[in-house]
Each structure stands twice: as structure tokens, then as C-alpha cells.
């Protein structure tokens, strides 16, 4: 578990791979919750994942900070 990745998710950073259309991010509505959920997107599918699972996905998929095609923001 990477505390750095989890802290970056909590600040609104979007991790992803634009070539494979995979993204992991935390919606603003989850900030401040005891057990926040993140979103894992792959192609046109979305799935709620725990913060720990989001951290794991970012690590094993080697996702980097990116601009989301619909949400923008992050490191555009």
C-alpha cells in the first residue's frame, strides 16, 4: 500500500493509461469519508473500488497521472 498514491488520489489526481483507456480516480463526493471509494474505468465500463484496491490497480497497471478525456483536470 502506497500512502503517496492514496494521498494523490485524495487531492484529485487522476491516474491512467490513455492508450488503453484505463483510469483510476476519486470523485470529489468521496473526499473526507472514512472509507472513500474510487472509480476504475476501463473502456466504457466503470467500477467502484476501495482506496486500497485503487492503489493496487495503479501500481500493477503502472498507471501515471493523466488528463481524463471527459473530466479533464489533473495534470493536463
N, C-alpha and C. Protein backbone atom coordinates (compact mmCIF):
# COMPACT_ATOMS: atom_id res chain seq x y z
N UNK A 1 0.85 -1.18 0.00
CA UNK A 1 0.00 0.00 0.00
C UNK A 1 0.90 1.24 0.00
N UNK A 2 0.66 2.13 -0.93
CA UNK A 2 1.44 3.35 -1.04
C UNK A 2 0.64 4.53 -0.50
N UNK A 3 1.11 5.07 0.58
CA UNK A 3 0.43 6.23 1.16
C UNK A 3 0.52 7.44 0.22
N UNK A 4 1.59 7.50 -0.57
CA UNK A 4 1.76 8.61 -1.51
C UNK A 4 0.68 8.56 -2.59
N UNK A 5 0.44 7.39 -3.15
CA UNK A 5 -0.60 7.25 -4.18
C UNK A 5 -1.96 7.58 -3.60
N UNK A 6 -2.25 7.08 -2.41
CA UNK A 6 -3.54 7.34 -1.79
C UNK A 6 -3.72 8.83 -1.50
N UNK A 7 -2.66 9.50 -1.07
CA UNK A 7 -2.73 10.94 -0.82
C UNK A 7 -2.98 11.69 -2.13
N UNK A 8 -2.35 11.26 -3.22
CA UNK A 8 -2.53 11.90 -4.52
C UNK A 8 -3.96 11.71 -5.03
N UNK A 9 -4.53 10.54 -4.82
CA UNK A 9 -5.92 10.31 -5.20
C UNK A 9 -6.84 11.27 -4.44
N UNK A 10 -6.55 11.46 -3.15
CA UNK A 10 -7.38 12.32 -2.31
C UNK A 10 -7.28 13.80 -2.71
N UNK A 11 -6.22 14.17 -3.42
CA UNK A 11 -6.08 15.55 -3.87
C UNK A 11 -6.67 15.77 -5.27
N UNK A 12 -7.22 14.70 -5.86
CA UNK A 12 -7.87 14.84 -7.16
C UNK A 12 -7.05 14.40 -8.35
N UNK A 13 -5.88 13.85 -8.11
CA UNK A 13 -5.05 13.38 -9.22
C UNK A 13 -5.73 12.18 -9.89
N UNK A 14 -5.70 12.17 -11.20
CA UNK A 14 -6.27 11.08 -11.99
C UNK A 14 -5.12 10.27 -12.56
N UNK A 15 -5.15 8.97 -12.29
CA UNK A 15 -4.13 8.07 -12.84
C UNK A 15 -4.73 7.33 -14.01
N UNK A 16 -3.92 7.06 -15.03
CA UNK A 16 -4.48 6.34 -16.16
C UNK A 16 -3.47 5.96 -17.21
N UNK A 17 -3.99 5.33 -18.23
CA UNK A 17 -3.26 4.93 -19.42
C UNK A 17 -4.17 5.29 -20.59
N UNK A 18 -3.84 6.36 -21.29
CA UNK A 18 -4.72 6.86 -22.34
C UNK A 18 -4.80 5.92 -23.54
N UNK A 19 -3.75 5.16 -23.81
CA UNK A 19 -3.77 4.23 -24.95
C UNK A 19 -4.75 3.09 -24.71
N UNK A 20 -4.85 2.63 -23.47
CA UNK A 20 -5.76 1.51 -23.15
C UNK A 20 -7.07 1.98 -22.54
N UNK A 21 -7.25 3.29 -22.41
CA UNK A 21 -8.46 3.88 -21.84
C UNK A 21 -8.78 3.30 -20.46
N UNK A 22 -7.77 3.30 -19.59
CA UNK A 22 -7.94 2.85 -18.21
C UNK A 22 -7.64 4.02 -17.29
N UNK A 23 -8.52 4.25 -16.31
CA UNK A 23 -8.36 5.38 -15.40
C UNK A 23 -8.78 4.99 -13.99
N UNK A 24 -8.10 5.56 -13.01
CA UNK A 24 -8.47 5.39 -11.60
C UNK A 24 -8.46 6.79 -10.99
N UNK A 25 -9.55 7.13 -10.30
CA UNK A 25 -9.64 8.43 -9.65
C UNK A 25 -10.66 8.38 -8.52
N UNK A 26 -10.59 9.39 -7.65
CA UNK A 26 -11.55 9.51 -6.56
C UNK A 26 -12.49 10.67 -6.86
N UNK A 27 -13.79 10.42 -6.92
CA UNK A 27 -14.74 11.51 -7.14
C UNK A 27 -14.72 12.48 -5.95
N UNK A 28 -14.97 13.73 -6.22
CA UNK A 28 -14.97 14.75 -5.16
C UNK A 28 -15.97 14.44 -4.06
N UNK A 29 -17.05 13.75 -4.39
CA UNK A 29 -18.07 13.43 -3.39
C UNK A 29 -17.57 12.45 -2.33
N UNK A 30 -16.44 11.80 -2.58
CA UNK A 30 -15.90 10.81 -1.63
C UNK A 30 -14.88 11.42 -0.68
N UNK A 31 -14.44 12.65 -0.94
CA UNK A 31 -13.44 13.28 -0.09
C UNK A 31 -13.96 13.45 1.33
N UNK A 32 -13.12 13.13 2.29
CA UNK A 32 -13.48 13.30 3.69
C UNK A 32 -14.23 12.14 4.31
N UNK A 33 -14.60 11.15 3.53
CA UNK A 33 -15.30 9.99 4.07
C UNK A 33 -14.31 9.04 4.75
N UNK A 34 -14.80 8.29 5.73
CA UNK A 34 -13.93 7.35 6.45
C UNK A 34 -13.43 6.24 5.53
N UNK A 35 -14.29 5.76 4.64
CA UNK A 35 -13.91 4.70 3.71
C UNK A 35 -14.30 5.12 2.29
N UNK A 36 -13.52 6.03 1.69
CA UNK A 36 -13.89 6.54 0.36
C UNK A 36 -13.75 5.48 -0.73
N UNK A 37 -14.58 5.60 -1.74
CA UNK A 37 -14.49 4.73 -2.91
C UNK A 37 -13.86 5.49 -4.07
N UNK A 38 -13.18 4.76 -4.90
CA UNK A 38 -12.60 5.33 -6.12
C UNK A 38 -13.31 4.70 -7.31
N UNK A 39 -13.07 5.24 -8.48
CA UNK A 39 -13.64 4.72 -9.71
C UNK A 39 -12.51 4.14 -10.55
N UNK A 40 -12.74 2.92 -11.04
CA UNK A 40 -11.83 2.31 -12.01
C UNK A 40 -12.59 2.23 -13.32
N UNK A 41 -12.08 2.89 -14.34
CA UNK A 41 -12.70 2.88 -15.67
C UNK A 41 -11.80 2.12 -16.63
N UNK A 42 -12.42 1.26 -17.41
CA UNK A 42 -11.71 0.58 -18.48
C UNK A 42 -12.63 0.57 -19.68
N UNK A 43 -12.21 1.25 -20.74
CA UNK A 43 -13.03 1.43 -21.93
C UNK A 43 -14.31 2.17 -21.53
N UNK A 44 -15.47 1.55 -21.70
CA UNK A 44 -16.74 2.20 -21.35
C UNK A 44 -17.34 1.65 -20.06
N UNK A 45 -16.58 0.87 -19.30
CA UNK A 45 -17.09 0.28 -18.07
C UNK A 45 -16.52 1.01 -16.86
N UNK A 46 -17.35 1.15 -15.82
CA UNK A 46 -16.91 1.78 -14.57
C UNK A 46 -17.20 0.85 -13.41
N UNK A 47 -16.31 0.87 -12.43
CA UNK A 47 -16.46 0.00 -11.27
C UNK A 47 -15.99 0.76 -10.03
N UNK A 48 -16.76 0.67 -8.94
CA UNK A 48 -16.34 1.24 -7.67
C UNK A 48 -15.30 0.31 -7.05
N UNK A 49 -14.21 0.90 -6.55
CA UNK A 49 -13.17 0.12 -5.88
C UNK A 49 -12.77 0.85 -4.60
N UNK A 50 -12.27 0.11 -3.64
CA UNK A 50 -11.80 0.72 -2.39
C UNK A 50 -10.51 1.49 -2.67
N UNK A 51 -10.12 2.31 -1.73
CA UNK A 51 -8.89 3.09 -1.86
C UNK A 51 -7.69 2.15 -1.96
N UNK A 52 -7.70 1.08 -1.18
CA UNK A 52 -6.61 0.10 -1.22
C UNK A 52 -6.55 -0.60 -2.57
N UNK A 53 -7.71 -0.97 -3.10
CA UNK A 53 -7.75 -1.63 -4.41
C UNK A 53 -7.31 -0.67 -5.51
N UNK A 54 -7.69 0.60 -5.41
CA UNK A 54 -7.27 1.61 -6.38
C UNK A 54 -5.75 1.74 -6.38
N UNK A 55 -5.17 1.77 -5.19
CA UNK A 55 -3.72 1.83 -5.03
C UNK A 55 -3.07 0.63 -5.72
N UNK A 56 -3.63 -0.55 -5.50
CA UNK A 56 -3.10 -1.77 -6.10
C UNK A 56 -3.19 -1.72 -7.63
N UNK A 57 -4.32 -1.29 -8.16
CA UNK A 57 -4.50 -1.20 -9.61
C UNK A 57 -3.50 -0.23 -10.24
N UNK A 58 -3.33 0.92 -9.60
CA UNK A 58 -2.38 1.92 -10.11
C UNK A 58 -0.98 1.34 -10.18
N UNK A 59 -0.61 0.59 -9.15
CA UNK A 59 0.73 0.00 -9.09
C UNK A 59 0.91 -1.11 -10.12
N UNK A 60 -0.01 -2.08 -10.16
CA UNK A 60 0.21 -3.23 -11.06
C UNK A 60 0.01 -2.88 -12.53
N UNK A 61 -0.83 -1.88 -12.81
CA UNK A 61 -1.06 -1.46 -14.20
C UNK A 61 -0.10 -0.35 -14.64
N UNK A 62 0.76 0.10 -13.72
CA UNK A 62 1.72 1.18 -13.99
C UNK A 62 1.04 2.42 -14.54
N UNK A 63 -0.07 2.81 -13.90
CA UNK A 63 -0.80 4.00 -14.33
C UNK A 63 -0.07 5.25 -13.88
N UNK A 64 -0.13 6.27 -14.70
CA UNK A 64 0.55 7.54 -14.44
C UNK A 64 -0.47 8.66 -14.38
N UNK A 65 -0.12 9.81 -13.79
CA UNK A 65 -1.03 10.96 -13.80
C UNK A 65 -1.32 11.39 -15.24
N UNK A 66 -2.62 11.54 -15.54
CA UNK A 66 -3.04 11.88 -16.91
C UNK A 66 -4.23 12.83 -16.88
N UNK A 67 -4.59 13.31 -18.06
CA UNK A 67 -5.84 14.04 -18.25
C UNK A 67 -6.91 13.04 -18.64
N UNK A 68 -8.04 13.11 -17.99
CA UNK A 68 -9.15 12.24 -18.33
C UNK A 68 -9.87 12.84 -19.53
N UNK A 69 -10.27 12.03 -20.52
CA UNK A 69 -10.89 12.58 -21.73
C UNK A 69 -12.21 13.34 -21.48
N UNK A 70 -12.98 12.99 -20.46
CA UNK A 70 -14.21 13.69 -20.15
C UNK A 70 -14.05 14.65 -18.97
N UNK A 71 -13.32 14.23 -17.96
CA UNK A 71 -13.19 15.02 -16.74
C UNK A 71 -12.12 16.09 -16.83
N UNK A 72 -11.14 15.87 -17.70
CA UNK A 72 -10.05 16.83 -17.83
C UNK A 72 -9.21 16.86 -16.59
N UNK A 73 -9.07 18.02 -16.02
CA UNK A 73 -8.30 18.31 -14.80
C UNK A 73 -7.03 17.50 -14.67
N UNK A 74 -6.60 17.24 -13.47
CA UNK A 74 -5.38 16.54 -13.12
C UNK A 74 -4.17 17.24 -13.72
N UNK A 75 -3.36 16.55 -14.49
CA UNK A 75 -2.10 17.12 -14.99
C UNK A 75 -2.19 17.42 -16.48
N UNK A 76 -3.19 18.11 -16.92
CA UNK A 76 -3.37 18.44 -18.33
C UNK A 76 -2.27 19.36 -18.83
